[in-house]
C-alpha atoms as a PDB file:
ATOM      1  CA  UNK A   1       0.000   0.000   0.000  1.00  0.00           C
ATOM      2  CA  UNK A   2       1.236   3.515  -0.770  1.00  0.00           C
ATOM      3  CA  UNK A   3       2.041   5.947   2.030  1.00  0.00           C
ATOM      4  CA  UNK A   4      -0.296   8.892   2.421  1.00  0.00           C
ATOM      5  CA  UNK A   5       1.148  12.403   2.059  1.00  0.00           C
ATOM      6  CA  UNK A   6      -0.610  15.302   3.795  1.00  0.00           C
ATOM      7  CA  UNK A   7       0.363  18.885   2.942  1.00  0.00           C
ATOM      8  CA  UNK A   8      -0.865  22.010   4.727  1.00  0.00           C
ATOM      9  CA  UNK A   9      -0.722  25.329   2.889  1.00  0.00           C
ATOM     10  CA  UNK A  10      -0.203  28.152   5.372  1.00  0.00           C
ATOM     11  CA  UNK A  11      -1.352  31.651   4.414  1.00  0.00           C
ATOM     12  CA  UNK A  12       0.372  34.874   5.514  1.00  0.00           C
ATOM     13  CA  UNK A  13      -1.773  35.482   8.603  1.00  0.00           C
ATOM     14  CA  UNK A  14      -0.002  34.680  11.823  1.00  0.00           C
ATOM     15  CA  UNK A  15       2.086  35.856  14.734  1.00  0.00           C
ATOM     16  CA  UNK A  16       5.157  34.244  16.245  1.00  0.00           C
ATOM     17  CA  UNK A  17       3.439  33.109  19.460  1.00  0.00           C
ATOM     18  CA  UNK A  18       0.371  31.776  17.646  1.00  0.00           C
ATOM     19  CA  UNK A  19       2.612  30.082  15.075  1.00  0.00           C
ATOM     20  CA  UNK A  20       4.547  28.323  17.813  1.00  0.00           C
ATOM     21  CA  UNK A  21       1.370  26.886  19.335  1.00  0.00           C
ATOM     22  CA  UNK A  22       0.106  25.779  15.913  1.00  0.00           C
ATOM     23  CA  UNK A  23       3.387  24.124  14.935  1.00  0.00           C
ATOM     24  CA  UNK A  24       3.621  22.259  18.236  1.00  0.00           C
ATOM     25  CA  UNK A  25       0.107  20.894  17.763  1.00  0.00           C
ATOM     26  CA  UNK A  26       0.873  19.854  14.192  1.00  0.00           C
ATOM     27  CA  UNK A  27       4.073  18.104  15.335  1.00  0.00           C
ATOM     28  CA  UNK A  28       2.199  16.289  18.131  1.00  0.00           C
ATOM     29  CA  UNK A  29      -0.517  15.162  15.729  1.00  0.00           C
ATOM     30  CA  UNK A  30       1.965  13.920  13.147  1.00  0.00           C
ATOM     31  CA  UNK A  31       3.912  12.025  15.806  1.00  0.00           C
ATOM     32  CA  UNK A  32       0.765  10.014  16.584  1.00  0.00           C
ATOM     33  CA  UNK A  33       0.234   8.937  12.955  1.00  0.00           C
ATOM     34  CA  UNK A  34       1.956   6.023  11.297  1.00  0.00           C
ATOM     35  CA  UNK A  35       2.302   5.428   7.585  1.00  0.00           C
ATOM     36  CA  UNK A  36       1.783   9.105   6.786  1.00  0.00           C
ATOM     37  CA  UNK A  37       4.253  11.736   5.589  1.00  0.00           C
ATOM     38  CA  UNK A  38       3.382  15.373   6.285  1.00  0.00           C
ATOM     39  CA  UNK A  39       4.571  18.759   5.038  1.00  0.00           C
ATOM     40  CA  UNK A  40       3.771  22.353   5.947  1.00  0.00           C
ATOM     41  CA  UNK A  41       4.066  25.030   3.234  1.00  0.00           C
ATOM     42  CA  UNK A  42       5.128  28.038   5.285  1.00  0.00           C
ATOM     43  CA  UNK A  43       5.141  31.711   4.251  1.00  0.00           C
ATOM     44  CA  UNK A  44       8.647  33.129   3.871  1.00  0.00           C
ATOM     45  CA  UNK A  45       8.531  35.338   7.016  1.00  0.00           C
ATOM     46  CA  UNK A  46       8.009  32.233   9.189  1.00  0.00           C
ATOM     47  CA  UNK A  47      10.534  29.851   7.617  1.00  0.00           C
ATOM     48  CA  UNK A  48      13.221  30.355  10.277  1.00  0.00           C
ATOM     49  CA  UNK A  49      10.763  29.882  13.145  1.00  0.00           C
ATOM     50  CA  UNK A  50       9.305  26.772  11.538  1.00  0.00           C
ATOM     51  CA  UNK A  51      12.736  25.297  10.915  1.00  0.00           C
ATOM     52  CA  UNK A  52      13.687  25.758  14.576  1.00  0.00           C
ATOM     53  CA  UNK A  53      10.470  24.290  15.913  1.00  0.00           C
ATOM     54  CA  UNK A  54      10.174  21.318  13.547  1.00  0.00           C
ATOM     55  CA  UNK A  55      13.797  20.320  12.945  1.00  0.00           C
ATOM     56  CA  UNK A  56      13.546  17.316  15.295  1.00  0.00           C
ATOM     57  CA  UNK A  57      10.400  15.955  13.617  1.00  0.00           C
ATOM     58  CA  UNK A  58      11.978  14.582  10.454  1.00  0.00           C
END
């Protein structure tokens, strides 16, 4: 069976504190799934924050 691939497209709205909470919830949800690959398409202004918060989830 093929692995499922889930991609979330993130629009420009956001703030650093709200982003952190969102990314932590996404990481927790992904950690509970098996057989699924996930990606988050992040707006440029939040790339550095996302990289820091999700670097251990690969």
